[in-house]
Amino acid sequence: MNCEETRHLLLSSLDAPVVRQSDALLQAHLGECEACRRFDTLHRQLDARLADALPVLPLSAEFRSALREKLPRHSAQERWSDSLPDIAHLAGCALATLCLLALIPRHSSAVLAAAVGFTTITFFLQAVLRSFLQSPEV
């Protein structure tokens, strides 16, 4: 484990201390690296000072219900339209596979192997392309 990974885990463990206690690699690195031990001590002290200076305020039930009202709701139609490209891709690959099996029945095992490989690769590429094209939600 390098210092960058250790520091990332240390900062994450401020919110989830269970992760820190159960990670043997993290503890081993802290045992060897003085800079990361200082980083850990400094950030724990800072976290404690911030917790003392900024107490957690209880949220009212009205606030929670108002927040729920403002969160976007996804209808069944929106969920269906989100999965439509995946369904069309898989249906198209299945149809192409069936056509090839009908045209080349003697090589059915090779056709099925190629179809599974092609479908998997193109599904992955489609997912990557979709993630790049989607605008980040605010």
C-alpha atoms as a PDB file:
ATOM      1  CA  MET A   1       0.000   0.000   0.000  1.00  0.00           C
ATOM      2  CA  ASN A   2       1.431   3.392  -0.944  1.00  0.00           C
ATOM      3  CA  CYS A   3       1.036   6.737   0.843  1.00  0.00           C
ATOM      4  CA  GLU A   4      -1.679   8.034  -1.504  1.00  0.00           C
ATOM      5  CA  GLU A   5      -3.873   4.960  -0.942  1.00  0.00           C
ATOM      6  CA  THR A   6      -3.229   5.132   2.795  1.00  0.00           C
ATOM      7  CA  ARG A   7      -4.217   8.791   3.011  1.00  0.00           C
ATOM      8  CA  HIS A   8      -7.379   8.154   1.013  1.00  0.00           C
ATOM      9  CA  LEU A   9      -8.347   5.325   3.391  1.00  0.00           C
ATOM     10  CA  LEU A  10      -7.516   7.466   6.418  1.00  0.00           C
ATOM     11  CA  LEU A  11      -9.773  10.267   5.222  1.00  0.00           C
ATOM     12  CA  SER A  12     -12.535   7.761   4.438  1.00  0.00           C
ATOM     13  CA  SER A  13     -12.165   6.220   7.874  1.00  0.00           C
ATOM     14  CA  LEU A  14     -13.088   9.516   9.529  1.00  0.00           C
ATOM     15  CA  ASP A  15     -16.679   8.743   8.490  1.00  0.00           C
ATOM     16  CA  ALA A  16     -16.453   4.956   8.880  1.00  0.00           C
ATOM     17  CA  PRO A  17     -13.993   3.995  11.647  1.00  0.00           C
ATOM     18  CA  VAL A  18     -14.835   0.290  11.268  1.00  0.00           C
ATOM     19  CA  VAL A  19     -12.979   0.281   7.942  1.00  0.00           C
ATOM     20  CA  ARG A  20      -9.824   1.578   9.595  1.00  0.00           C
ATOM     21  CA  GLN A  21      -9.722  -0.972  12.370  1.00  0.00           C
ATOM     22  CA  SER A  22     -10.260  -3.940  10.076  1.00  0.00           C
ATOM     23  CA  ASP A  23      -7.679  -3.014   7.433  1.00  0.00           C
ATOM     24  CA  ALA A  24      -4.415  -4.821   8.199  1.00  0.00           C
ATOM     25  CA  LEU A  25      -2.598  -3.284   5.217  1.00  0.00           C
ATOM     26  CA  LEU A  26      -3.452   0.190   6.437  1.00  0.00           C
ATOM     27  CA  GLN A  27      -2.182  -0.590   9.921  1.00  0.00           C
ATOM     28  CA  ALA A  28       1.015  -2.096   8.491  1.00  0.00           C
ATOM     29  CA  HIS A  29       1.678   1.020   6.406  1.00  0.00           C
ATOM     30  CA  LEU A  30       1.035   3.299   9.377  1.00  0.00           C
ATOM     31  CA  GLY A  31       3.541   1.246  11.380  1.00  0.00           C
ATOM     32  CA  GLU A  32       6.220   1.901   8.763  1.00  0.00           C
ATOM     33  CA  CYS A  33       5.478   5.443   7.531  1.00  0.00           C
ATOM     34  CA  GLU A  34       6.009   8.427   9.826  1.00  0.00           C
ATOM     35  CA  ALA A  35       4.518  10.892   7.299  1.00  0.00           C
ATOM     36  CA  CYS A  36       1.235   8.971   7.114  1.00  0.00           C
ATOM     37  CA  ARG A  37       1.081   8.662  10.922  1.00  0.00           C
ATOM     38  CA  ARG A  38       1.452  12.460  11.185  1.00  0.00           C
ATOM     39  CA  PHE A  39      -1.205  12.873   8.472  1.00  0.00           C
ATOM     40  CA  ASP A  40      -3.535  10.581  10.425  1.00  0.00           C
ATOM     41  CA  THR A  41      -2.941  12.385  13.736  1.00  0.00           C
ATOM     42  CA  LEU A  42      -3.389  15.831  12.203  1.00  0.00           C
ATOM     43  CA  HIS A  43      -6.645  14.925  10.456  1.00  0.00           C
ATOM     44  CA  ARG A  44      -8.087  13.172  13.515  1.00  0.00           C
ATOM     45  CA  GLN A  45      -7.342  16.251  15.623  1.00  0.00           C
ATOM     46  CA  LEU A  46      -8.876  18.497  12.974  1.00  0.00           C
ATOM     47  CA  ASP A  47     -11.957  16.276  12.773  1.00  0.00           C
ATOM     48  CA  ALA A  48     -12.372  16.361  16.572  1.00  0.00           C
ATOM     49  CA  ARG A  49     -12.015  20.165  16.667  1.00  0.00           C
ATOM     50  CA  LEU A  50     -14.565  20.575  13.886  1.00  0.00           C
ATOM     51  CA  ALA A  51     -16.984  18.218  15.653  1.00  0.00           C
ATOM     52  CA  ASP A  52     -16.664  20.298  18.820  1.00  0.00           C
ATOM     53  CA  ALA A  53     -17.047  23.615  17.002  1.00  0.00           C
ATOM     54  CA  LEU A  54     -19.904  22.558  14.730  1.00  0.00           C
ATOM     55  CA  PRO A  55     -22.435  20.442  16.597  1.00  0.00           C
ATOM     56  CA  VAL A  56     -24.790  18.303  14.553  1.00  0.00           C
ATOM     57  CA  LEU A  57     -28.152  20.003  14.294  1.00  0.00           C
ATOM     58  CA  PRO A  58     -31.286  17.849  14.389  1.00  0.00           C
ATOM     59  CA  LEU A  59     -33.446  18.118  11.311  1.00  0.00           C
ATOM     60  CA  SER A  60     -37.155  18.608  11.743  1.00  0.00           C
ATOM     61  CA  ALA A  61     -39.739  16.340  10.164  1.00  0.00           C
ATOM     62  CA  GLU A  62     -40.912  19.295   8.062  1.00  0.00           C
ATOM     63  CA  PHE A  63     -37.435  19.711   6.610  1.00  0.00           C
ATOM     64  CA  ARG A  64     -37.218  16.038   5.715  1.00  0.00           C
ATOM     65  CA  SER A  65     -40.627  16.025   4.019  1.00  0.00           C
ATOM     66  CA  ALA A  66     -39.816  19.259   2.139  1.00  0.00           C
ATOM     67  CA  LEU A  67     -36.555  17.702   0.961  1.00  0.00           C
ATOM     68  CA  ARG A  68     -38.383  14.564  -0.236  1.00  0.00           C
ATOM     69  CA  GLU A  69     -40.766  16.769  -2.213  1.00  0.00           C
ATOM     70  CA  LYS A  70     -37.866  18.434  -4.017  1.00  0.00           C
ATOM     71  CA  LEU A  71     -36.070  15.217  -4.929  1.00  0.00           C
ATOM     72  CA  PRO A  72     -36.819  14.059  -8.461  1.00  0.00           C
ATOM     73  CA  ARG A  73     -39.100  11.084  -8.806  1.00  0.00           C
ATOM     74  CA  HIS A  74     -38.546   8.583 -11.559  1.00  0.00           C
ATOM     75  CA  SER A  75     -41.706   7.213 -13.069  1.00  0.00           C
ATOM     76  CA  ALA A  76     -42.025   3.708 -14.475  1.00  0.00           C
ATOM     77  CA  GLN A  77     -41.919   5.225 -17.972  1.00  0.00           C
ATOM     78  CA  GLU A  78     -38.580   6.943 -17.234  1.00  0.00           C
ATOM     79  CA  ARG A  79     -37.114   3.703 -15.865  1.00  0.00           C
ATOM     80  CA  TRP A  80     -38.358   1.848 -18.954  1.00  0.00           C
ATOM     81  CA  SER A  81     -36.828   4.414 -21.314  1.00  0.00           C
ATOM     82  CA  ASP A  82     -33.504   4.190 -19.443  1.00  0.00           C
ATOM     83  CA  SER A  83     -33.299   0.440 -20.001  1.00  0.00           C
ATOM     84  CA  LEU A  84     -34.603   0.490 -23.597  1.00  0.00           C
ATOM     85  CA  PRO A  85     -31.138   0.718 -25.241  1.00  0.00           C
ATOM     86  CA  ASP A  86     -29.991  -2.338 -23.282  1.00  0.00           C
ATOM     87  CA  ILE A  87     -33.097  -4.294 -24.240  1.00  0.00           C
ATOM     88  CA  ALA A  88     -32.737  -3.303 -27.915  1.00  0.00           C
ATOM     89  CA  HIS A  89     -29.061  -4.288 -27.906  1.00  0.00           C
ATOM     90  CA  LEU A  90     -29.687  -7.702 -26.369  1.00  0.00           C
ATOM     91  CA  ALA A  91     -32.709  -8.358 -28.604  1.00  0.00           C
ATOM     92  CA  GLY A  92     -30.715  -7.408 -31.704  1.00  0.00           C
ATOM     93  CA  CYS A  93     -27.830  -9.665 -30.745  1.00  0.00           C
ATOM     94  CA  ALA A  94     -30.220 -12.539 -30.010  1.00  0.00           C
ATOM     95  CA  LEU A  95     -31.966 -12.091 -33.363  1.00  0.00           C
ATOM     96  CA  ALA A  96     -28.636 -11.977 -35.214  1.00  0.00           C
ATOM     97  CA  THR A  97     -27.505 -15.116 -33.388  1.00  0.00           C
ATOM     98  CA  LEU A  98     -30.699 -16.973 -34.323  1.00  0.00           C
ATOM     99  CA  CYS A  99     -30.296 -15.944 -37.979  1.00  0.00           C
ATOM    100  CA  LEU A 100     -26.693 -17.155 -38.027  1.00  0.00           C
ATOM    101  CA  LEU A 101     -27.679 -20.433 -36.373  1.00  0.00           C
ATOM    102  CA  ALA A 102     -30.313 -20.948 -39.087  1.00  0.00           C
ATOM    103  CA  LEU A 103     -27.828 -20.110 -41.866  1.00  0.00           C
ATOM    104  CA  ILE A 104     -24.852 -22.050 -40.458  1.00  0.00           C
ATOM    105  CA  PRO A 105     -26.294 -24.935 -38.418  1.00  0.00           C
ATOM    106  CA  ARG A 106     -23.155 -27.100 -38.761  1.00  0.00           C
ATOM    107  CA  HIS A 107     -21.062 -24.601 -36.768  1.00  0.00           C
ATOM    108  CA  SER A 108     -23.568 -23.831 -34.032  1.00  0.00           C
ATOM    109  CA  SER A 109     -21.089 -24.044 -31.147  1.00  0.00           C
ATOM    110  CA  ALA A 110     -18.721 -21.572 -32.852  1.00  0.00           C
ATOM    111  CA  VAL A 111     -21.635 -19.254 -33.700  1.00  0.00           C
ATOM    112  CA  LEU A 112     -22.865 -19.310 -30.096  1.00  0.00           C
ATOM    113  CA  ALA A 113     -19.369 -18.677 -28.699  1.00  0.00           C
ATOM    114  CA  ALA A 114     -18.813 -15.771 -31.092  1.00  0.00           C
ATOM    115  CA  ALA A 115     -22.265 -14.361 -30.342  1.00  0.00           C
ATOM    116  CA  VAL A 116     -21.720 -14.429 -26.591  1.00  0.00           C
ATOM    117  CA  GLY A 117     -18.321 -12.760 -26.972  1.00  0.00           C
ATOM    118  CA  PHE A 118     -19.628 -10.119 -29.372  1.00  0.00           C
ATOM    119  CA  THR A 119     -22.679  -9.386 -27.221  1.00  0.00           C
ATOM    120  CA  THR A 120     -20.585  -9.037 -24.078  1.00  0.00           C
ATOM    121  CA  ILE A 121     -18.002  -6.751 -25.671  1.00  0.00           C
ATOM    122  CA  THR A 122     -20.545  -4.531 -27.415  1.00  0.00           C
ATOM    123  CA  PHE A 123     -22.699  -4.318 -24.271  1.00  0.00           C
ATOM    124  CA  PHE A 124     -19.651  -3.130 -22.325  1.00  0.00           C
ATOM    125  CA  LEU A 125     -18.761  -0.600 -25.036  1.00  0.00           C
ATOM    126  CA  GLN A 126     -22.351   0.640 -25.079  1.00  0.00           C
ATOM    127  CA  ALA A 127     -22.292   1.133 -21.302  1.00  0.00           C
ATOM    128  CA  VAL A 128     -19.005   3.061 -21.480  1.00  0.00           C
ATOM    129  CA  LEU A 129     -20.269   5.223 -24.327  1.00  0.00           C
ATOM    130  CA  ARG A 130     -23.506   5.932 -22.485  1.00  0.00           C
ATOM    131  CA  SER A 131     -21.632   7.006 -19.340  1.00  0.00           C
ATOM    132  CA  PHE A 132     -19.571   9.470 -21.383  1.00  0.00           C
ATOM    133  CA  LEU A 133     -22.620  10.888 -23.158  1.00  0.00           C
ATOM    134  CA  GLN A 134     -24.832  11.341 -20.118  1.00  0.00           C
ATOM    135  CA  SER A 135     -24.639  14.761 -18.573  1.00  0.00           C
ATOM    136  CA  PRO A 136     -23.936  14.800 -14.823  1.00  0.00           C
ATOM    137  CA  GLU A 137     -27.078  15.337 -12.785  1.00  0.00           C
ATOM    138  CA  VAL A 138     -27.129  18.302 -10.454  1.00  0.00           C
END
